[in-house]
Amino acid sequence: MSSKKDTKIEIYQRSGKFYGKIIWGSGAATKDLKNPDKALQDRDLVGLDILTDFVFNGTDSWQSGTIYDPREGKTYSCKMSIKGQNSLCIRGYVGISIFGRTEIWERIK
């Protein structure tokens, strides 16, 4: 599990790809209110996959995935890598990696 401030994310593998879903959140919003698709705005954030379709490169990183930011209702290209024993470096971007933002998520026990 990873923690992103007030949210806990569980990372799991399915059909050879990696995903991450929200398993706990203490923020005010519990629904996907910022989603541009009106039909999805009533879905619960807890249980929602926000990391999708990552492929492990065989060493220490995962690529070719996307990250959904429910605070903005936007999906970005994304890559992830391990930083130390308990840190995951998440880089979301538009187009190429240079145009993006990096966050460090910490493992919780």
PDB file of N, CA and C in Angstrom:
ATOM      1  N   MET A   1       0.829  -1.182   0.000  1.00  0.00           N
ATOM      2  CA  MET A   1       0.000   0.000   0.000  1.00  0.00           C
ATOM      3  C   MET A   1       0.874   1.246   0.000  1.00  0.00           C
ATOM      4  N   SER A   2       0.394   2.244  -0.613  1.00  0.00           N
ATOM      5  CA  SER A   2       1.066   3.540  -0.622  1.00  0.00           C
ATOM      6  C   SER A   2       0.145   4.568  -0.001  1.00  0.00           C
ATOM      7  N   SER A   3       0.746   5.621   0.474  1.00  0.00           N
ATOM      8  CA  SER A   3      -0.054   6.683   1.048  1.00  0.00           C
ATOM      9  C   SER A   3       0.268   7.994   0.351  1.00  0.00           C
ATOM     10  N   LYS A   4      -0.746   8.714  -0.007  1.00  0.00           N
ATOM     11  CA  LYS A   4      -0.592  10.022  -0.623  1.00  0.00           C
ATOM     12  C   LYS A   4      -1.349  10.997   0.264  1.00  0.00           C
ATOM     13  N   LYS A   5      -0.680  11.486   1.295  1.00  0.00           N
ATOM     14  CA  LYS A   5      -1.227  12.421   2.266  1.00  0.00           C
ATOM     15  C   LYS A   5      -2.473  11.859   2.928  1.00  0.00           C
ATOM     16  N   ASP A   6      -3.652  12.201   2.448  1.00  0.00           N
ATOM     17  CA  ASP A   6      -4.878  11.757   3.105  1.00  0.00           C
ATOM     18  C   ASP A   6      -5.564  10.608   2.368  1.00  0.00           C
ATOM     19  N   THR A   7      -4.834   9.898   1.531  1.00  0.00           N
ATOM     20  CA  THR A   7      -5.388   8.802   0.746  1.00  0.00           C
ATOM     21  C   THR A   7      -4.454   7.598   0.811  1.00  0.00           C
ATOM     22  N   LYS A   8      -5.047   6.414   0.852  1.00  0.00           N
ATOM     23  CA  LYS A   8      -4.250   5.181   0.785  1.00  0.00           C
ATOM     24  C   LYS A   8      -4.568   4.488  -0.528  1.00  0.00           C
ATOM     25  N   ILE A   9      -3.486   4.090  -1.207  1.00  0.00           N
ATOM     26  CA  ILE A   9      -3.589   3.436  -2.515  1.00  0.00           C
ATOM     27  C   ILE A   9      -3.023   2.027  -2.403  1.00  0.00           C
ATOM     28  N   GLU A  10      -3.749   1.051  -2.900  1.00  0.00           N
ATOM     29  CA  GLU A  10      -3.253  -0.319  -2.961  1.00  0.00           C
ATOM     30  C   GLU A  10      -2.807  -0.596  -4.393  1.00  0.00           C
ATOM     31  N   ILE A  11      -1.567  -1.046  -4.540  1.00  0.00           N
ATOM     32  CA  ILE A  11      -1.024  -1.375  -5.862  1.00  0.00           C
ATOM     33  C   ILE A  11      -1.119  -2.895  -6.016  1.00  0.00           C
ATOM     34  N   TYR A  12      -1.645  -3.325  -7.149  1.00  0.00           N
ATOM     35  CA  TYR A  12      -1.839  -4.757  -7.369  1.00  0.00           C
ATOM     36  C   TYR A  12      -1.589  -5.096  -8.836  1.00  0.00           C
ATOM     37  N   GLN A  13      -1.436  -6.392  -9.091  1.00  0.00           N
ATOM     38  CA  GLN A  13      -1.178  -6.869 -10.451  1.00  0.00           C
ATOM     39  C   GLN A  13      -2.382  -7.657 -10.950  1.00  0.00           C
ATOM     40  N   ARG A  14      -2.728  -7.440 -12.229  1.00  0.00           N
ATOM     41  CA  ARG A  14      -3.812  -8.174 -12.868  1.00  0.00           C
ATOM     42  C   ARG A  14      -3.448  -8.376 -14.334  1.00  0.00           C
ATOM     43  N   SER A  15      -3.464  -9.605 -14.768  1.00  0.00           N
ATOM     44  CA  SER A  15      -3.187  -9.948 -16.169  1.00  0.00           C
ATOM     45  C   SER A  15      -1.862  -9.379 -16.655  1.00  0.00           C
ATOM     46  N   GLY A  16      -0.833  -9.414 -15.805  1.00  0.00           N
ATOM     47  CA  GLY A  16       0.500  -8.980 -16.189  1.00  0.00           C
ATOM     48  C   GLY A  16       0.737  -7.483 -16.142  1.00  0.00           C
ATOM     49  N   LYS A  17      -0.279  -6.703 -15.770  1.00  0.00           N
ATOM     50  CA  LYS A  17      -0.129  -5.253 -15.653  1.00  0.00           C
ATOM     51  C   LYS A  17      -0.384  -4.836 -14.216  1.00  0.00           C
ATOM     52  N   PHE A  18       0.028  -3.619 -13.888  1.00  0.00           N
ATOM     53  CA  PHE A  18      -0.094  -3.119 -12.522  1.00  0.00           C
ATOM     54  C   PHE A  18      -1.093  -1.968 -12.460  1.00  0.00           C
ATOM     55  N   TYR A  19      -1.826  -1.940 -11.352  1.00  0.00           N
ATOM     56  CA  TYR A  19      -2.890  -0.975 -11.120  1.00  0.00           C
ATOM     57  C   TYR A  19      -2.795  -0.466  -9.683  1.00  0.00           C
ATOM     58  N   GLY A  20      -3.435   0.648  -9.427  1.00  0.00           N
ATOM     59  CA  GLY A  20      -3.514   1.165  -8.071  1.00  0.00           C
ATOM     60  C   GLY A  20      -4.889   1.739  -7.822  1.00  0.00           C
ATOM     61  N   LYS A  21      -5.520   1.295  -6.718  1.00  0.00           N
ATOM     62  CA  LYS A  21      -6.855   1.787  -6.411  1.00  0.00           C
ATOM     63  C   LYS A  21      -6.879   2.442  -5.042  1.00  0.00           C
ATOM     64  N   ILE A  22      -7.774   3.390  -4.899  1.00  0.00           N
ATOM     65  CA  ILE A  22      -7.971   4.069  -3.625  1.00  0.00           C
ATOM     66  C   ILE A  22      -8.673   3.096  -2.689  1.00  0.00           C
ATOM     67  N   ILE A  23      -8.076   2.861  -1.516  1.00  0.00           N
ATOM     68  CA  ILE A  23      -8.721   1.973  -0.549  1.00  0.00           C
ATOM     69  C   ILE A  23      -9.173   2.716   0.705  1.00  0.00           C
ATOM     70  N   TRP A  24      -8.748   3.965   0.840  1.00  0.00           N
ATOM     71  CA  TRP A  24      -9.148   4.784   1.990  1.00  0.00           C
ATOM     72  C   TRP A  24      -8.854   6.231   1.677  1.00  0.00           C
ATOM     73  N   GLY A  25      -9.738   7.103   2.099  1.00  0.00           N
ATOM     74  CA  GLY A  25      -9.512   8.531   1.913  1.00  0.00           C
ATOM     75  C   GLY A  25     -10.212   9.314   3.001  1.00  0.00           C
ATOM     76  N   SER A  26      -9.571  10.371   3.449  1.00  0.00           N
ATOM     77  CA  SER A  26     -10.173  11.202   4.490  1.00  0.00           C
ATOM     78  C   SER A  26     -10.535  12.590   3.976  1.00  0.00           C
ATOM     79  N   GLY A  27     -10.445  12.772   2.667  1.00  0.00           N
ATOM     80  CA  GLY A  27     -10.788  14.071   2.087  1.00  0.00           C
ATOM     81  C   GLY A  27     -12.298  14.299   2.110  1.00  0.00           C
ATOM     82  N   ALA A  28     -12.727  15.489   1.797  1.00  0.00           N
ATOM     83  CA  ALA A  28     -14.144  15.834   1.839  1.00  0.00           C
ATOM     84  C   ALA A  28     -14.941  15.117   0.745  1.00  0.00           C
ATOM     85  N   ALA A  29     -14.401  15.054  -0.471  1.00  0.00           N
ATOM     86  CA  ALA A  29     -15.152  14.442  -1.575  1.00  0.00           C
ATOM     87  C   ALA A  29     -15.092  12.926  -1.490  1.00  0.00           C
ATOM     88  N   THR A  30     -16.235  12.276  -1.625  1.00  0.00           N
ATOM     89  CA  THR A  30     -16.279  10.817  -1.663  1.00  0.00           C
ATOM     90  C   THR A  30     -16.733  10.318  -3.029  1.00  0.00           C
ATOM     91  N   LYS A  31     -17.175  11.232  -3.870  1.00  0.00           N
ATOM     92  CA  LYS A  31     -17.606  10.909  -5.228  1.00  0.00           C
ATOM     93  C   LYS A  31     -16.668  11.578  -6.222  1.00  0.00           C
ATOM     94  N   ASP A  32     -16.670  11.083  -7.440  1.00  0.00           N
ATOM     95  CA  ASP A  32     -15.793  11.579  -8.502  1.00  0.00           C
ATOM     96  C   ASP A  32     -16.394  12.832  -9.154  1.00  0.00           C
ATOM     97  N   LEU A  33     -16.619  13.857  -8.349  1.00  0.00           N
ATOM     98  CA  LEU A  33     -17.357  15.047  -8.758  1.00  0.00           C
ATOM     99  C   LEU A  33     -16.689  15.852  -9.867  1.00  0.00           C
ATOM    100  N   LYS A  34     -15.369  15.793  -9.999  1.00  0.00           N
ATOM    101  CA  LYS A  34     -14.642  16.589 -11.008  1.00  0.00           C
ATOM    102  C   LYS A  34     -14.514  15.879 -12.349  1.00  0.00           C
ATOM    103  N   ASN A  35     -15.013  14.654 -12.436  1.00  0.00           N
ATOM    104  CA  ASN A  35     -14.909  13.896 -13.680  1.00  0.00           C
ATOM    105  C   ASN A  35     -15.666  14.637 -14.781  1.00  0.00           C
ATOM    106  N   PRO A  36     -15.041  14.838 -15.949  1.00  0.00           N
ATOM    107  CA  PRO A  36     -15.718  15.549 -17.040  1.00  0.00           C
ATOM    108  C   PRO A  36     -16.906  14.766 -17.615  1.00  0.00           C
ATOM    109  N   ASP A  37     -16.933  13.455 -17.392  1.00  0.00           N
ATOM    110  CA  ASP A  37     -18.053  12.630 -17.844  1.00  0.00           C
ATOM    111  C   ASP A  37     -19.132  12.653 -16.753  1.00  0.00           C
ATOM    112  N   LYS A  38     -20.216  13.341 -16.998  1.00  0.00           N
ATOM    113  CA  LYS A  38     -21.294  13.504 -16.008  1.00  0.00           C
ATOM    114  C   LYS A  38     -21.795  12.156 -15.485  1.00  0.00           C
ATOM    115  N   ALA A  39     -21.787  11.129 -16.325  1.00  0.00           N
ATOM    116  CA  ALA A  39     -22.267   9.811 -15.925  1.00  0.00           C
ATOM    117  C   ALA A  39     -21.372   9.161 -14.863  1.00  0.00           C
ATOM    118  N   LEU A  40     -20.107   9.611 -14.747  1.00  0.00           N
ATOM    119  CA  LEU A  40     -19.170   9.029 -13.781  1.00  0.00           C
ATOM    120  C   LEU A  40     -19.043   9.855 -12.499  1.00  0.00           C
ATOM    121  N   GLN A  41     -19.667  10.997 -12.424  1.00  0.00           N
ATOM    122  CA  GLN A  41     -19.497  11.875 -11.267  1.00  0.00           C
ATOM    123  C   GLN A  41     -20.103  11.320  -9.986  1.00  0.00           C
ATOM    124  N   ASP A  42     -20.973  10.340 -10.088  1.00  0.00           N
ATOM    125  CA  ASP A  42     -21.591   9.757  -8.894  1.00  0.00           C
ATOM    126  C   ASP A  42     -20.855   8.514  -8.396  1.00  0.00           C
ATOM    127  N   ARG A  43     -19.787   8.107  -9.078  1.00  0.00           N
ATOM    128  CA  ARG A  43     -19.080   6.898  -8.632  1.00  0.00           C
ATOM    129  C   ARG A  43     -18.230   7.219  -7.408  1.00  0.00           C
ATOM    130  N   ASP A  44     -18.082   6.214  -6.541  1.00  0.00           N
ATOM    131  CA  ASP A  44     -17.289   6.361  -5.325  1.00  0.00           C
ATOM    132  C   ASP A  44     -15.810   6.434  -5.647  1.00  0.00           C
ATOM    133  N   LEU A  45     -15.080   7.269  -4.925  1.00  0.00           N
ATOM    134  CA  LEU A  45     -13.626   7.335  -5.089  1.00  0.00           C
ATOM    135  C   LEU A  45     -12.951   6.131  -4.442  1.00  0.00           C
ATOM    136  N   VAL A  46     -13.447   5.689  -3.280  1.00  0.00           N
ATOM    137  CA  VAL A  46     -12.877   4.500  -2.646  1.00  0.00           C
ATOM    138  C   VAL A  46     -13.220   3.298  -3.528  1.00  0.00           C
ATOM    139  N   GLY A  47     -12.205   2.563  -3.919  1.00  0.00           N
ATOM    140  CA  GLY A  47     -12.356   1.441  -4.835  1.00  0.00           C
ATOM    141  C   GLY A  47     -12.018   1.787  -6.273  1.00  0.00           C
ATOM    142  N   LEU A  48     -11.797   3.061  -6.552  1.00  0.00           N
ATOM    143  CA  LEU A  48     -11.521   3.528  -7.910  1.00  0.00           C
ATOM    144  C   LEU A  48     -10.056   3.317  -8.284  1.00  0.00           C
ATOM    145  N   ASP A  49      -9.815   2.687  -9.428  1.00  0.00           N
ATOM    146  CA  ASP A  49      -8.452   2.564  -9.959  1.00  0.00           C
ATOM    147  C   ASP A  49      -8.016   3.937 -10.458  1.00  0.00           C
ATOM    148  N   ILE A  50      -6.920   4.449  -9.890  1.00  0.00           N
ATOM    149  CA  ILE A  50      -6.376   5.712 -10.393  1.00  0.00           C
ATOM    150  C   ILE A  50      -5.060   5.487 -11.130  1.00  0.00           C
ATOM    151  N   LEU A  51      -4.416   4.351 -10.910  1.00  0.00           N
ATOM    152  CA  LEU A  51      -3.221   3.945 -11.665  1.00  0.00           C
ATOM    153  C   LEU A  51      -3.639   2.770 -12.532  1.00  0.00           C
ATOM    154  N   THR A  52      -3.415   2.847 -13.847  1.00  0.00           N
ATOM    155  CA  THR A  52      -3.870   1.769 -14.720  1.00  0.00           C
ATOM    156  C   THR A  52      -2.839   1.405 -15.790  1.00  0.00           C
ATOM    157  N   ASP A  53      -2.799   0.102 -16.095  1.00  0.00           N
ATOM    158  CA  ASP A  53      -2.073  -0.461 -17.245  1.00  0.00           C
ATOM    159  C   ASP A  53      -0.556  -0.271 -17.227  1.00  0.00           C
ATOM    160  N   PHE A  54       0.069  -0.309 -16.067  1.00  0.00           N
ATOM    161  CA  PHE A  54       1.526  -0.169 -15.991  1.00  0.00           C
ATOM    162  C   PHE A  54       2.207  -1.490 -16.310  1.00  0.00           C
ATOM    163  N   VAL A  55       3.301  -1.399 -17.046  1.00  0.00           N
ATOM    164  CA  VAL A  55       4.102  -2.555 -17.422  1.00  0.00           C
ATOM    165  C   VAL A  55       5.447  -2.443 -16.714  1.00  0.00           C
ATOM    166  N   PHE A  56       5.833  -3.512 -15.995  1.00  0.00           N
ATOM    167  CA  PHE A  56       7.116  -3.538 -15.288  1.00  0.00           C
ATOM    168  C   PHE A  56       8.236  -3.724 -16.294  1.00  0.00           C
ATOM    169  N   ASN A  57       9.317  -2.920 -16.176  1.00  0.00           N
ATOM    170  CA  ASN A  57      10.399  -2.985 -17.161  1.00  0.00           C
ATOM    171  C   ASN A  57      11.469  -4.018 -16.808  1.00  0.00           C
ATOM    172  N   GLY A  58      11.283  -4.740 -15.715  1.00  0.00           N
ATOM    173  CA  GLY A  58      12.223  -5.796 -15.351  1.00  0.00           C
ATOM    174  C   GLY A  58      13.265  -5.378 -14.343  1.00  0.00           C
ATOM    175  N   THR A  59      13.390  -4.095 -14.045  1.00  0.00           N
ATOM    176  CA  THR A  59      14.377  -3.667 -13.055  1.00  0.00           C
ATOM    177  C   THR A  59      13.705  -2.925 -11.900  1.00  0.00           C
ATOM    178  N   ASP A  60      13.476  -1.644 -12.053  1.00  0.00           N
ATOM    179  CA  ASP A  60      12.931  -0.885 -10.926  1.00  0.00           C
ATOM    180  C   ASP A  60      11.886   0.146 -11.336  1.00  0.00           C
ATOM    181  N   SER A  61      11.298  -0.005 -12.519  1.00  0.00           N
ATOM    182  CA  SER A  61      10.303   0.989 -12.918  1.00  0.00           C
ATOM    183  C   SER A  61       9.154   0.355 -13.701  1.00  0.00           C
ATOM    184  N   TRP A  62       8.051   1.095 -13.736  1.00  0.00           N
ATOM    185  CA  TRP A  62       6.844   0.706 -14.437  1.00  0.00           C
ATOM    186  C   TRP A  62       6.506   1.832 -15.392  1.00  0.00           C
ATOM    187  N   GLN A  63       6.115   1.478 -16.617  1.00  0.00           N
ATOM    188  CA  GLN A  63       5.881   2.482 -17.653  1.00  0.00           C
ATOM    189  C   GLN A  63       4.602   2.184 -18.412  1.00  0.00           C
ATOM    190  N   SER A  64       4.268   3.077 -19.334  1.00  0.00           N
ATOM    191  CA  SER A  64       3.130   2.911 -20.252  1.00  0.00           C
ATOM    192  C   SER A  64       1.780   2.913 -19.552  1.00  0.00           C
ATOM    193  N   GLY A  65       1.706   3.510 -18.358  1.00  0.00           N
ATOM    194  CA  GLY A  65       0.447   3.565 -17.631  1.00  0.00           C
ATOM    195  C   GLY A  65      -0.136   4.962 -17.616  1.00  0.00           C
ATOM    196  N   THR A  66      -1.253   5.074 -16.932  1.00  0.00           N
ATOM    197  CA  THR A  66      -1.886   6.376 -16.743  1.00  0.00           C
ATOM    198  C   THR A  66      -2.242   6.570 -15.272  1.00  0.00           C
ATOM    199  N   ILE A  67      -2.363   7.826 -14.878  1.00  0.00           N
ATOM    200  CA  ILE A  67      -2.816   8.179 -13.540  1.00  0.00           C
ATOM    201  C   ILE A  67      -3.992   9.130 -13.685  1.00  0.00           C
ATOM    202  N   TYR A  68      -5.038   8.845 -12.926  1.00  0.00           N
ATOM    203  CA  TYR A  68      -6.217   9.711 -12.909  1.00  0.00           C
ATOM    204  C   TYR A  68      -6.168  10.544 -11.638  1.00  0.00           C
ATOM    205  N   ASP A  69      -6.321  11.845 -11.766  1.00  0.00           N
ATOM    206  CA  ASP A  69      -6.334  12.746 -10.622  1.00  0.00           C
ATOM    207  C   ASP A  69      -7.774  13.181 -10.366  1.00  0.00           C
ATOM    208  N   PRO A  70      -8.435  12.594  -9.360  1.00  0.00           N
ATOM    209  CA  PRO A  70      -9.835  12.945  -9.112  1.00  0.00           C
ATOM    210  C   PRO A  70     -10.018  14.370  -8.592  1.00  0.00           C
ATOM    211  N   ARG A  71      -8.951  14.989  -8.099  1.00  0.00           N
ATOM    212  CA  ARG A  71      -9.059  16.387  -7.656  1.00  0.00           C
ATOM    213  C   ARG A  71      -9.272  17.321  -8.835  1.00  0.00           C
ATOM    214  N   GLU A  72      -8.767  16.928 -10.011  1.00  0.00           N
ATOM    215  CA  GLU A  72      -8.896  17.741 -11.223  1.00  0.00           C
ATOM    216  C   GLU A  72      -9.804  17.109 -12.275  1.00  0.00           C
ATOM    217  N   GLY A  73     -10.064  15.808 -12.141  1.00  0.00           N
ATOM    218  CA  GLY A  73     -10.852  15.101 -13.143  1.00  0.00           C
ATOM    219  C   GLY A  73     -10.094  14.869 -14.427  1.00  0.00           C
ATOM    220  N   LYS A  74      -8.770  14.729 -14.329  1.00  0.00           N
ATOM    221  CA  LYS A  74      -7.936  14.572 -15.520  1.00  0.00           C
ATOM    222  C   LYS A  74      -7.092  13.306 -15.424  1.00  0.00           C
ATOM    223  N   THR A  75      -6.790  12.743 -16.590  1.00  0.00           N
ATOM    224  CA  THR A  75      -5.940  11.560 -16.695  1.00  0.00           C
ATOM    225  C   THR A  75      -4.658  11.950 -17.411  1.00  0.00           C
ATOM    226  N   TYR A  76      -3.531  11.466 -16.888  1.00  0.00           N
ATOM    227  CA  TYR A  76      -2.212  11.792 -17.429  1.00  0.00           C
ATOM    228  C   TYR A  76      -1.433  10.522 -17.747  1.00  0.00           C
ATOM    229  N   SER A  77      -0.534  10.605 -18.716  1.00  0.00           N
ATOM    230  CA  SER A  77       0.444   9.537 -18.911  1.00  0.00           C
ATOM    231  C   SER A  77       1.285   9.482 -17.646  1.00  0.00           C
ATOM    232  N   CYS A  78       1.846   8.317 -17.355  1.00  0.00           N
ATOM    233  CA  CYS A  78       2.544   8.196 -16.083  1.00  0.00           C
ATOM    234  C   CYS A  78       3.606   7.104 -16.140  1.00  0.00           C
ATOM    235  N   LYS A  79       4.630   7.304 -15.328  1.00  0.00           N
ATOM    236  CA  LYS A  79       5.629   6.263 -15.096  1.00  0.00           C
ATOM    237  C   LYS A  79       5.955   6.279 -13.605  1.00  0.00           C
ATOM    238  N   MET A  80       6.403   5.140 -13.098  1.00  0.00           N
ATOM    239  CA  MET A  80       6.701   5.002 -11.674  1.00  0.00           C
ATOM    240  C   MET A  80       8.043   4.310 -11.502  1.00  0.00           C
ATOM    241  N   SER A  81       8.727   4.643 -10.407  1.00  0.00           N
ATOM    242  CA  SER A  81       9.973   3.954 -10.094  1.00  0.00           C
ATOM    243  C   SER A  81      10.151   3.891  -8.578  1.00  0.00           C
ATOM    244  N   ILE A  82      10.896   2.890  -8.138  1.00  0.00           N
ATOM    245  CA  ILE A  82      11.183   2.705  -6.721  1.00  0.00           C
ATOM    246  C   ILE A  82      12.315   3.641  -6.323  1.00  0.00           C
ATOM    247  N   LYS A  83      12.136   4.321  -5.204  1.00  0.00           N
ATOM    248  CA  LYS A  83      13.168   5.192  -4.634  1.00  0.00           C
ATOM    249  C   LYS A  83      13.369   4.757  -3.191  1.00  0.00           C
ATOM    250  N   GLY A  84      14.404   3.973  -2.936  1.00  0.00           N
ATOM    251  CA  GLY A  84      14.620   3.454  -1.592  1.00  0.00           C
ATOM    252  C   GLY A  84      13.661   2.315  -1.299  1.00  0.00           C
ATOM    253  N   GLN A  85      13.649   1.867  -0.050  1.00  0.00           N
ATOM    254  CA  GLN A  85      12.820   0.722   0.313  1.00  0.00           C
ATOM    255  C   GLN A  85      11.336   1.035   0.391  1.00  0.00           C
ATOM    256  N   ASN A  86      10.980   2.249   0.753  1.00  0.00           N
ATOM    257  CA  ASN A  86       9.587   2.554   1.044  1.00  0.00           C
ATOM    258  C   ASN A  86       9.015   3.720   0.260  1.00  0.00           C
ATOM    259  N   SER A  87       9.639   4.089  -0.842  1.00  0.00           N
ATOM    260  CA  SER A  87       9.162   5.236  -1.615  1.00  0.00           C
ATOM    261  C   SER A  87       8.934   4.873  -3.073  1.00  0.00           C
ATOM    262  N   LEU A  88       7.849   5.403  -3.617  1.00  0.00           N
ATOM    263  CA  LEU A  88       7.513   5.212  -5.014  1.00  0.00           C
ATOM    264  C   LEU A  88       7.444   6.591  -5.659  1.00  0.00           C
ATOM    265  N   CYS A  89       8.242   6.775  -6.702  1.00  0.00           N
ATOM    266  CA  CYS A  89       8.286   8.039  -7.433  1.00  0.00           C
ATOM    267  C   CYS A  89       7.266   7.944  -8.576  1.00  0.00           C
ATOM    268  N   ILE A  90       6.276   8.825  -8.550  1.00  0.00           N
ATOM    269  CA  ILE A  90       5.205   8.848  -9.544  1.00  0.00           C
ATOM    270  C   ILE A  90       5.386  10.100 -10.402  1.00  0.00           C
ATOM    271  N   ARG A  91       5.479   9.924 -11.713  1.00  0.00           N
ATOM    272  CA  ARG A  91       5.624  11.076 -12.618  1.00  0.00           C
ATOM    273  C   ARG A  91       4.460  11.079 -13.598  1.00  0.00           C
ATOM    274  N   GLY A  92       3.558  12.033 -13.438  1.00  0.00           N
ATOM    275  CA  GLY A  92       2.452  12.215 -14.361  1.00  0.00           C
ATOM    276  C   GLY A  92       2.804  13.315 -15.346  1.00  0.00           C
ATOM    277  N   TYR A  93       2.415  13.145 -16.612  1.00  0.00           N
ATOM    278  CA  TYR A  93       2.807  14.123 -17.619  1.00  0.00           C
ATOM    279  C   TYR A  93       1.846  14.129 -18.809  1.00  0.00           C
ATOM    280  N   VAL A  94       1.961  15.183 -19.589  1.00  0.00           N
ATOM    281  CA  VAL A  94       1.205  15.327 -20.830  1.00  0.00           C
ATOM    282  C   VAL A  94       2.216  15.310 -21.969  1.00  0.00           C
ATOM    283  N   GLY A  95       2.028  14.427 -22.924  1.00  0.00           N
ATOM    284  CA  GLY A  95       2.951  14.362 -24.067  1.00  0.00           C
ATOM    285  C   GLY A  95       4.237  13.652 -23.707  1.00  0.00           C
ATOM    286  N   ILE A  96       5.245  14.428 -23.319  1.00  0.00           N
ATOM    287  CA  ILE A  96       6.526  13.832 -22.935  1.00  0.00           C
ATOM    288  C   ILE A  96       6.786  14.111 -21.454  1.00  0.00           C
ATOM    289  N   SER A  97       7.608  13.274 -20.860  1.00  0.00           N
ATOM    290  CA  SER A  97       7.840  13.301 -19.422  1.00  0.00           C
ATOM    291  C   SER A  97       8.335  14.640 -18.882  1.00  0.00           C
ATOM    292  N   ILE A  98       9.007  15.425 -19.725  1.00  0.00           N
ATOM    293  CA  ILE A  98       9.544  16.711 -19.256  1.00  0.00           C
ATOM    294  C   ILE A  98       8.422  17.672 -18.853  1.00  0.00           C
ATOM    295  N   PHE A  99       7.228  17.493 -19.438  1.00  0.00           N
ATOM    296  CA  PHE A  99       6.087  18.348 -19.122  1.00  0.00           C
ATOM    297  C   PHE A  99       5.182  17.645 -18.120  1.00  0.00           C
ATOM    298  N   GLY A 100       5.617  17.601 -16.869  1.00  0.00           N
ATOM    299  CA  GLY A 100       4.835  16.896 -15.874  1.00  0.00           C
ATOM    300  C   GLY A 100       5.182  17.276 -14.453  1.00  0.00           C
ATOM    301  N   ARG A 101       4.686  16.469 -13.531  1.00  0.00           N
ATOM    302  CA  ARG A 101       4.893  16.689 -12.112  1.00  0.00           C
ATOM    303  C   ARG A 101       5.225  15.354 -11.452  1.00  0.00           C
ATOM    304  N   THR A 102       6.140  15.405 -10.492  1.00  0.00           N
ATOM    305  CA  THR A 102       6.545  14.204  -9.773  1.00  0.00           C
ATOM    306  C   THR A 102       6.098  14.294  -8.323  1.00  0.00           C
ATOM    307  N   GLU A 103       5.604  13.190  -7.812  1.00  0.00           N
ATOM    308  CA  GLU A 103       5.264  13.066  -6.408  1.00  0.00           C
ATOM    309  C   GLU A 103       5.926  11.817  -5.863  1.00  0.00           C
ATOM    310  N   ILE A 104       6.267  11.843  -4.607  1.00  0.00           N
ATOM    311  CA  ILE A 104       6.814  10.667  -3.923  1.00  0.00           C
ATOM    312  C   ILE A 104       5.754  10.140  -2.975  1.00  0.00           C
ATOM    313  N   TRP A 105       5.380   8.887  -3.160  1.00  0.00           N
ATOM    314  CA  TRP A 105       4.418   8.235  -2.277  1.00  0.00           C
ATOM    315  C   TRP A 105       5.191   7.337  -1.330  1.00  0.00           C
ATOM    316  N   GLU A 106       4.805   7.324  -0.080  1.00  0.00           N
ATOM    317  CA  GLU A 106       5.468   6.523   0.939  1.00  0.00           C
ATOM    318  C   GLU A 106       4.630   5.281   1.271  1.00  0.00           C
ATOM    319  N   ARG A 107       5.323   4.162   1.433  1.00  0.00           N
ATOM    320  CA  ARG A 107       4.674   2.918   1.835  1.00  0.00           C
ATOM    321  C   ARG A 107       4.273   3.037   3.298  1.00  0.00           C
ATOM    322  N   ILE A 108       3.100   2.521   3.595  1.00  0.00           N
ATOM    323  CA  ILE A 108       2.686   2.447   4.980  1.00  0.00           C
ATOM    324  C   ILE A 108       2.581   0.980   5.374  1.00  0.00           C
ATOM    325  N   LYS A 109       2.705   0.734   6.638  1.00  0.00           N
ATOM    326  CA  LYS A 109       2.687  -0.657   7.102  1.00  0.00           C
ATOM    327  C   LYS A 109       1.515  -0.900   8.002  1.00  0.00           C
TER     328      LYS A 109
END
